[in-house]
Amino acid sequence: MRLKSLPTVIILSLVLTAAACSNGRGDGRIHASGHIEATEVRLAATVGGRLLDAPLREGDPVHAGEVVARLDTTDARLELARAHAEAEVADARLRLLLKGTRLEDLDRAEQRLAQAQAELDAATRDYHRLEGLARKGTATAKARDDAGTRRDVAKRQVLALRAELAKLTAGPRREEIDIARAQRAAARAVVAEVQQRITDATVFAPRDGVITTRVAEPGEVLPPGAPIAVLTDLAHPWLNVYVDEPSLSRIHLGDIVEVRVDGQSKTFRGRVSFVSPVAEFTPKNVQTPEERAKLVFKVKVALDNPNGVFKPGMPADAYFSAHERSGR
C-alpha cells in the first residue's frame, strides 16, 4: 500500500508547483506585463489665426505658465479699437440721458411758448373784433372766418409747445435710460470678447512637462482648436498591467510594486494607484493568444521618473508582493 501511494504524492507535488507558477512566480509574487503611459496634453489655441511663434522644439522641457505659441492678433486689435469707440459712444449717450434736459433747451422752449401764446392772444382779439363788426355789417363774413382760422392755428401751436416744454421738463423716460444702459453693457461685452480673443492667441503650458510632438510650424494659418504641440508629463508616468481575478484579491491600493524594464539591470519601485472594479478582456498586446480570452482587471502602478528612464510606450514588468505594503 505504501509503494502505491508514492506516485500519488509526486503527482500532487507537481500540481501544486504548477499552480504556483501560474500566478507568475514560484516565490508567491504576481507577475504582470504592460506598457508605460504618461499624461499627454494637446496644446491648442481656442482662436484661429496665423502662427507667429512656437519657440519650443521636440524634447524641450517646459514649465507651467511658459509661452509655447503665439498667434497673430493684428485683425483682433483693429476690431478692439472699433469696439472701444462704440463703447465710448454708448457710454456718452447714457451720461447724456442721465443729466436730463439742458437749461438752455428749457429756456428756448419757454420763449417759443411765450411767443406762440402772444400770437394766440392777438389772433383771438382780432377774431372777436371782426365778429362784432360782422354783426354790424361793417366787416365781411370771410374776414371773420379767416381770423377764426388764424386763432385756431395759434391755439394748436400753443398746445404743441406746451407738450414739448413738459417733455423737456420731465427729462428722459426710465425706459430710455434702461435701453441706453443695455446698449452700453453690450458694447462693453464686445470689448471684453475681443480682448479675450487677443489673450487666447497666446498659448501657455498648463503644467510642467516635455514637448514630445510639434504639430504646427510658424507661418501656418490654423483654425480654432487646431493642435500646435503635445506636452507630456514624463515626471509622473504609470504602468498599466492586467491581472486575473484570482490574483486580484492580493493586490491593494498603495501596495509597493517592483518594476523592471528592458535594458536596465536595476529594479524600480512603484505604487498601486488604481485597481479597476470592472473586468475586461486582456489587451492583445499584453498576453499570449491563449490568454487573450481571459477576463482580467486593469491595475495602474504610479512611478517616479527623476532620471527620465520611463517613456510612454515602453514595455515593463511588474512584480506584486502581498506582503509588502506602502506605509509599513
Protein backbone atom coordinates (compact mmCIF):
# COMPACT_ATOMS: atom_id res chain seq x y z
CA MET A 1 0.00 0.00 0.00
CA ARG A 2 2.85 2.40 0.81
CA LEU A 3 4.55 1.74 -2.56
CA LYS A 4 1.32 2.55 -4.45
CA SER A 5 0.87 5.86 -2.63
CA LEU A 6 4.27 7.28 -3.65
CA PRO A 7 3.30 8.21 -7.24
CA THR A 8 0.23 9.96 -5.88
CA VAL A 9 2.39 12.16 -3.63
CA ILE A 10 4.70 13.01 -6.54
CA ILE A 11 1.76 13.92 -8.80
CA LEU A 12 0.20 16.11 -6.08
CA SER A 13 3.52 17.91 -5.62
CA LEU A 14 3.76 18.63 -9.33
CA VAL A 15 0.22 20.03 -9.40
CA LEU A 16 0.95 22.39 -6.52
CA THR A 17 4.15 23.55 -8.22
CA ALA A 18 2.31 24.24 -11.47
CA ALA A 19 -0.39 26.18 -9.62
CA ALA A 20 2.27 28.34 -8.01
CA CYS A 21 3.89 29.05 -11.37
CA SER A 22 0.54 30.04 -12.92
CA ASN A 23 0.37 33.05 -10.55
CA GLY A 24 3.55 34.38 -12.06
CA ARG A 25 6.48 33.19 -9.91
CA GLY A 26 7.36 30.38 -7.59
CA ASP A 27 8.13 32.84 -4.78
CA GLY A 28 4.46 33.85 -4.46
CA ARG A 29 4.77 37.16 -6.23
CA ILE A 30 2.39 38.12 -9.03
CA HIS A 31 4.00 38.95 -12.35
CA ALA A 32 2.27 41.07 -14.99
CA SER A 33 3.49 42.85 -18.11
CA GLY A 34 2.30 46.09 -19.59
CA HIS A 35 3.34 49.42 -21.06
CA ILE A 36 4.40 52.75 -19.61
CA GLU A 37 1.99 55.62 -20.13
CA ALA A 38 2.07 59.32 -19.26
CA THR A 39 -0.32 62.25 -19.29
CA GLU A 40 -0.35 63.99 -22.66
CA VAL A 41 -1.79 67.48 -23.20
CA ARG A 42 -2.54 68.61 -26.74
CA LEU A 43 -1.78 72.31 -26.75
CA ALA A 44 -4.03 74.44 -28.93
CA ALA A 45 -5.41 77.97 -29.14
CA THR A 46 -9.15 78.49 -28.82
CA VAL A 47 -8.93 81.10 -31.59
CA GLY A 48 -7.70 80.78 -35.12
CA GLY A 49 -5.04 82.75 -36.94
CA ARG A 50 -1.54 82.69 -38.35
CA LEU A 51 1.03 81.06 -36.08
CA LEU A 52 3.71 83.67 -35.38
CA ASP A 53 5.98 81.85 -32.97
CA ALA A 54 6.42 78.40 -31.45
CA PRO A 55 9.70 78.71 -29.52
CA LEU A 56 9.91 75.18 -28.12
CA ARG A 57 11.21 72.20 -30.06
CA GLU A 58 10.56 68.50 -29.52
CA GLY A 59 12.39 67.34 -26.41
CA ASP A 60 12.48 70.80 -24.80
CA PRO A 61 11.37 70.92 -21.16
CA VAL A 62 8.58 73.34 -20.34
CA HIS A 63 7.27 74.74 -17.08
CA ALA A 64 3.70 75.61 -16.20
CA GLY A 65 2.82 79.12 -17.43
CA GLU A 66 5.56 79.24 -20.05
CA VAL A 67 4.62 80.53 -23.52
CA VAL A 68 4.55 77.74 -26.09
CA ALA A 69 2.91 79.54 -29.04
CA ARG A 70 1.72 82.94 -30.24
CA LEU A 71 -0.82 83.67 -32.97
CA ASP A 72 -1.16 86.87 -34.99
CA THR A 73 -3.58 89.36 -33.39
CA THR A 74 -3.48 92.23 -35.90
CA ASP A 75 -7.10 91.89 -37.01
CA ALA A 76 -8.28 91.42 -33.45
CA ARG A 77 -6.53 94.58 -32.29
CA LEU A 78 -8.16 96.62 -35.06
CA GLU A 79 -11.52 95.18 -34.06
CA LEU A 80 -10.75 96.06 -30.44
CA ALA A 81 -10.17 99.72 -31.37
CA ARG A 82 -13.56 99.86 -33.08
CA ALA A 83 -15.23 98.15 -30.12
CA HIS A 84 -13.70 100.68 -27.72
CA ALA A 85 -15.06 103.56 -29.84
CA GLU A 86 -18.56 102.09 -29.89
CA ALA A 87 -18.42 101.56 -26.15
CA GLU A 88 -17.45 105.21 -25.63
CA VAL A 89 -20.39 106.33 -27.77
CA ALA A 90 -22.81 104.19 -25.78
CA ASP A 91 -21.38 105.47 -22.51
CA ALA A 92 -21.69 109.10 -23.63
CA ARG A 93 -25.30 108.53 -24.72
CA LEU A 94 -26.20 107.15 -21.30
CA ARG A 95 -24.49 110.02 -19.46
CA LEU A 96 -26.38 112.49 -21.63
CA LEU A 97 -29.72 110.91 -20.73
CA LEU A 98 -28.88 110.79 -17.03
CA LYS A 99 -28.09 114.53 -16.96
CA GLY A 100 -31.56 115.33 -18.28
CA THR A 101 -32.58 118.40 -20.31
CA ARG A 102 -30.19 121.34 -20.52
CA LEU A 103 -31.32 124.69 -19.06
CA GLU A 104 -30.69 126.32 -22.42
CA ASP A 105 -33.19 123.99 -24.08
CA LEU A 106 -35.77 124.73 -21.39
CA ASP A 107 -35.32 128.49 -21.79
CA ARG A 108 -35.67 128.22 -25.54
CA ALA A 109 -38.84 126.16 -25.24
CA GLU A 110 -40.35 128.65 -22.78
CA GLN A 111 -39.59 131.55 -25.10
CA ARG A 112 -41.18 129.78 -28.07
CA LEU A 113 -44.25 129.04 -25.96
CA ALA A 114 -44.50 132.65 -24.82
CA GLN A 115 -44.27 133.87 -28.40
CA ALA A 116 -46.93 131.40 -29.55
CA GLN A 117 -49.16 132.47 -26.65
CA ALA A 118 -48.79 136.10 -27.68
CA GLU A 119 -49.75 135.25 -31.25
CA LEU A 120 -52.76 133.33 -29.93
CA ASP A 121 -53.90 136.29 -27.83
CA ALA A 122 -53.57 138.63 -30.82
CA ALA A 123 -55.44 136.22 -33.11
CA THR A 124 -58.19 135.88 -30.51
CA ARG A 125 -58.60 139.66 -30.21
CA ASP A 126 -58.76 140.04 -33.99
CA TYR A 127 -61.39 137.34 -34.21
CA HIS A 128 -63.60 138.94 -31.55
CA ARG A 129 -63.26 142.40 -33.18
CA LEU A 130 -64.15 141.13 -36.65
CA GLU A 131 -67.00 139.07 -35.25
CA GLY A 132 -68.55 142.24 -33.75
CA LEU A 133 -68.04 144.17 -36.96
CA ALA A 134 -69.58 141.36 -38.97
CA ARG A 135 -72.70 141.51 -36.82
CA LYS A 136 -72.93 145.26 -37.55
CA GLY A 137 -72.39 144.65 -41.24
CA THR A 138 -69.13 146.63 -41.41
CA ALA A 139 -66.95 143.52 -41.90
CA THR A 140 -67.36 140.60 -44.22
CA ALA A 141 -68.00 137.08 -43.02
CA LYS A 142 -64.85 135.92 -44.85
CA ALA A 143 -62.67 138.30 -42.84
CA ARG A 144 -64.23 136.96 -39.64
CA ASP A 145 -63.70 133.33 -40.70
CA ASP A 146 -60.06 133.99 -41.67
CA ALA A 147 -59.45 135.47 -38.22
CA GLY A 148 -61.02 132.40 -36.62
CA THR A 149 -58.72 130.13 -38.64
CA ARG A 150 -55.64 132.10 -37.55
CA ARG A 151 -56.81 131.82 -33.94
CA ASP A 152 -57.29 128.04 -34.17
CA VAL A 153 -53.84 127.55 -35.74
CA ALA A 154 -52.22 129.63 -32.98
CA LYS A 155 -54.09 127.61 -30.35
CA ARG A 156 -52.80 124.31 -31.72
CA GLN A 157 -49.28 125.72 -31.83
CA VAL A 158 -49.53 126.71 -28.18
CA LEU A 159 -50.74 123.24 -27.21
CA ALA A 160 -47.85 121.58 -29.08
CA LEU A 161 -45.24 123.85 -27.48
CA ARG A 162 -46.71 123.25 -24.03
CA ALA A 163 -46.39 119.48 -24.56
CA GLU A 164 -42.81 119.89 -25.73
CA LEU A 165 -41.94 122.02 -22.69
CA ALA A 166 -43.50 119.43 -20.39
CA LYS A 167 -41.45 116.67 -22.04
CA LEU A 168 -38.24 118.64 -21.65
CA THR A 169 -39.03 119.42 -18.04
CA ALA A 170 -39.71 115.76 -17.21
CA GLY A 171 -36.47 114.59 -18.88
CA PRO A 172 -35.87 111.16 -20.47
CA ARG A 173 -38.15 108.28 -19.57
CA ARG A 174 -36.91 105.41 -17.43
CA GLU A 175 -37.26 103.01 -20.36
CA GLU A 176 -34.96 105.18 -22.48
CA ILE A 177 -32.33 105.13 -19.74
CA ASP A 178 -32.67 101.36 -19.42
CA ILE A 179 -32.15 100.95 -23.17
CA ALA A 180 -29.05 103.15 -23.05
CA ARG A 181 -27.67 101.12 -20.14
CA ALA A 182 -28.24 97.88 -22.04
CA GLN A 183 -26.52 99.29 -25.14
CA ARG A 184 -23.53 100.35 -23.06
CA ALA A 185 -23.33 96.89 -21.45
CA ALA A 186 -23.48 95.23 -24.88
CA ALA A 187 -20.70 97.47 -26.19
CA ARG A 188 -18.52 96.69 -23.18
CA ALA A 189 -19.18 92.95 -23.65
CA VAL A 190 -17.89 93.21 -27.23
CA VAL A 191 -14.72 94.88 -25.92
CA ALA A 192 -14.22 92.10 -23.36
CA GLU A 193 -14.82 89.44 -26.00
CA VAL A 194 -12.21 90.85 -28.37
CA GLN A 195 -9.74 91.30 -25.51
CA GLN A 196 -10.23 87.65 -24.57
CA ARG A 197 -9.56 86.60 -28.15
CA ILE A 198 -6.29 88.52 -28.06
CA THR A 199 -5.37 86.85 -24.77
CA ASP A 200 -6.27 83.40 -26.13
CA ALA A 201 -3.93 83.94 -29.07
CA THR A 202 -1.04 83.24 -26.68
CA VAL A 203 -0.85 79.58 -25.59
CA PHE A 204 0.66 78.81 -22.18
CA ALA A 205 1.79 75.45 -20.83
CA PRO A 206 -0.81 74.22 -18.31
CA ARG A 207 1.72 72.08 -16.42
CA ASP A 208 5.35 71.02 -16.32
CA GLY A 209 6.44 68.54 -18.94
CA VAL A 210 8.34 67.96 -22.16
CA ILE A 211 7.34 68.86 -25.71
CA THR A 212 7.14 65.44 -27.34
CA THR A 213 5.43 66.40 -30.60
CA ARG A 214 5.35 69.66 -32.55
CA VAL A 215 2.38 69.67 -34.91
CA ALA A 216 2.38 73.17 -36.44
CA GLU A 217 5.11 75.49 -37.69
CA PRO A 218 5.26 79.33 -37.76
CA GLY A 219 3.51 80.79 -40.77
CA GLU A 220 0.70 78.24 -40.86
CA VAL A 221 -2.87 79.53 -40.63
CA LEU A 222 -4.68 77.46 -38.02
CA PRO A 223 -8.40 77.13 -37.31
CA PRO A 224 -9.65 77.44 -33.72
CA GLY A 225 -8.66 74.44 -31.62
CA ALA A 226 -6.04 73.16 -34.06
CA PRO A 227 -3.24 71.33 -32.19
CA ILE A 228 0.11 73.09 -32.06
CA ALA A 229 2.19 70.76 -29.89
CA VAL A 230 1.88 67.85 -27.47
CA LEU A 231 3.15 68.25 -23.91
CA THR A 232 3.90 65.06 -21.98
CA ASP A 233 4.28 64.87 -18.21
CA LEU A 234 7.26 62.50 -18.02
CA ALA A 235 7.79 63.19 -14.32
CA HIS A 236 4.69 61.21 -13.30
CA PRO A 237 4.31 58.18 -15.58
CA TRP A 238 2.49 54.99 -14.72
CA LEU A 239 2.47 51.37 -15.77
CA ASN A 240 -0.75 49.72 -16.91
CA VAL A 241 -0.91 45.97 -16.32
CA TYR A 242 -3.70 43.39 -16.26
CA VAL A 243 -4.13 40.66 -13.65
CA ASP A 244 -6.56 37.78 -13.47
CA GLU A 245 -9.36 37.59 -10.93
CA PRO A 246 -7.70 35.04 -8.56
CA SER A 247 -4.70 37.35 -8.17
CA LEU A 248 -6.77 40.49 -7.68
CA SER A 249 -7.50 39.78 -4.02
CA ARG A 250 -3.77 40.01 -3.27
CA ILE A 251 -3.39 43.49 -4.76
CA HIS A 252 -4.37 46.60 -2.83
CA LEU A 253 -4.19 50.33 -3.35
CA GLY A 254 -0.89 51.64 -2.05
CA ASP A 255 0.98 48.36 -2.44
CA ILE A 256 4.65 48.70 -3.32
CA VAL A 257 5.46 47.11 -6.71
CA GLU A 258 8.81 46.09 -8.18
CA VAL A 259 9.13 47.26 -11.78
CA ARG A 260 11.68 46.14 -14.37
CA VAL A 261 12.29 47.47 -17.88
CA ASP A 262 14.40 46.20 -20.74
CA GLY A 263 17.96 47.50 -20.83
CA GLN A 264 18.10 48.26 -17.09
CA SER A 265 19.69 45.85 -14.61
CA LYS A 266 18.30 47.70 -11.62
CA THR A 267 14.75 47.46 -10.39
CA PHE A 268 12.42 50.36 -9.68
CA ARG A 269 9.68 50.86 -7.14
CA GLY A 270 6.12 51.78 -7.97
CA ARG A 271 2.88 52.09 -6.08
CA VAL A 272 -0.57 50.72 -6.92
CA SER A 273 -2.70 53.81 -7.54
CA PHE A 274 -5.74 52.29 -9.25
CA VAL A 275 -7.48 48.92 -9.44
CA SER A 276 -10.31 48.66 -11.92
CA PRO A 277 -13.61 47.45 -10.44
CA VAL A 278 -14.71 46.17 -13.86
CA ALA A 279 -13.28 43.14 -15.65
CA GLU A 280 -12.30 43.31 -19.31
CA PHE A 281 -10.64 41.17 -21.91
CA THR A 282 -6.86 41.19 -21.91
CA PRO A 283 -5.45 43.62 -24.50
CA LYS A 284 -3.91 41.78 -27.44
CA ASN A 285 -0.51 43.39 -26.97
CA VAL A 286 -0.13 42.20 -23.37
CA GLN A 287 -0.72 38.45 -23.21
CA THR A 288 -0.32 35.35 -25.37
CA PRO A 289 -3.13 34.38 -27.77
CA GLU A 290 -4.21 31.63 -25.36
CA GLU A 291 -4.80 34.10 -22.55
CA ARG A 292 -6.39 36.91 -24.53
CA ALA A 293 -9.84 35.42 -23.97
CA LYS A 294 -9.43 35.65 -20.17
CA LEU A 295 -11.20 38.33 -18.20
CA VAL A 296 -8.70 40.45 -16.31
CA PHE A 297 -8.64 43.62 -14.22
CA LYS A 298 -6.61 46.71 -15.05
CA VAL A 299 -4.10 47.81 -12.41
CA LYS A 300 -2.31 51.14 -12.55
CA VAL A 301 1.15 51.45 -10.97
CA ALA A 302 2.33 55.01 -10.33
CA LEU A 303 6.03 55.63 -10.92
CA ASP A 304 8.59 58.29 -10.15
CA ASN A 305 10.81 59.28 -13.05
CA PRO A 306 13.55 61.64 -11.83
CA ASN A 307 16.12 60.34 -14.33
CA GLY A 308 13.76 60.02 -17.30
CA VAL A 309 14.09 56.24 -17.55
CA PHE A 310 10.39 55.61 -18.18
CA LYS A 311 8.96 56.71 -21.51
CA PRO A 312 5.45 56.32 -22.94
CA GLY A 313 5.04 53.07 -24.83
CA MET A 314 7.96 51.34 -23.13
CA PRO A 315 7.21 47.72 -22.12
CA ALA A 316 7.74 46.89 -18.46
CA ASP A 317 7.17 44.09 -15.98
CA ALA A 318 5.53 44.48 -12.57
CA TYR A 319 6.02 42.11 -9.62
CA PHE A 320 3.39 42.40 -6.90
CA SER A 321 4.01 41.11 -3.38
CA ALA A 322 1.14 40.63 -0.98
CA HIS A 323 3.50 41.08 1.97
CA GLU A 324 4.94 44.50 1.05
CA ARG A 325 2.55 47.42 1.54
CA SER A 326 3.23 51.15 1.48
CA GLY A 327 3.45 52.75 4.89
CA ARG A 328 4.71 49.59 6.54
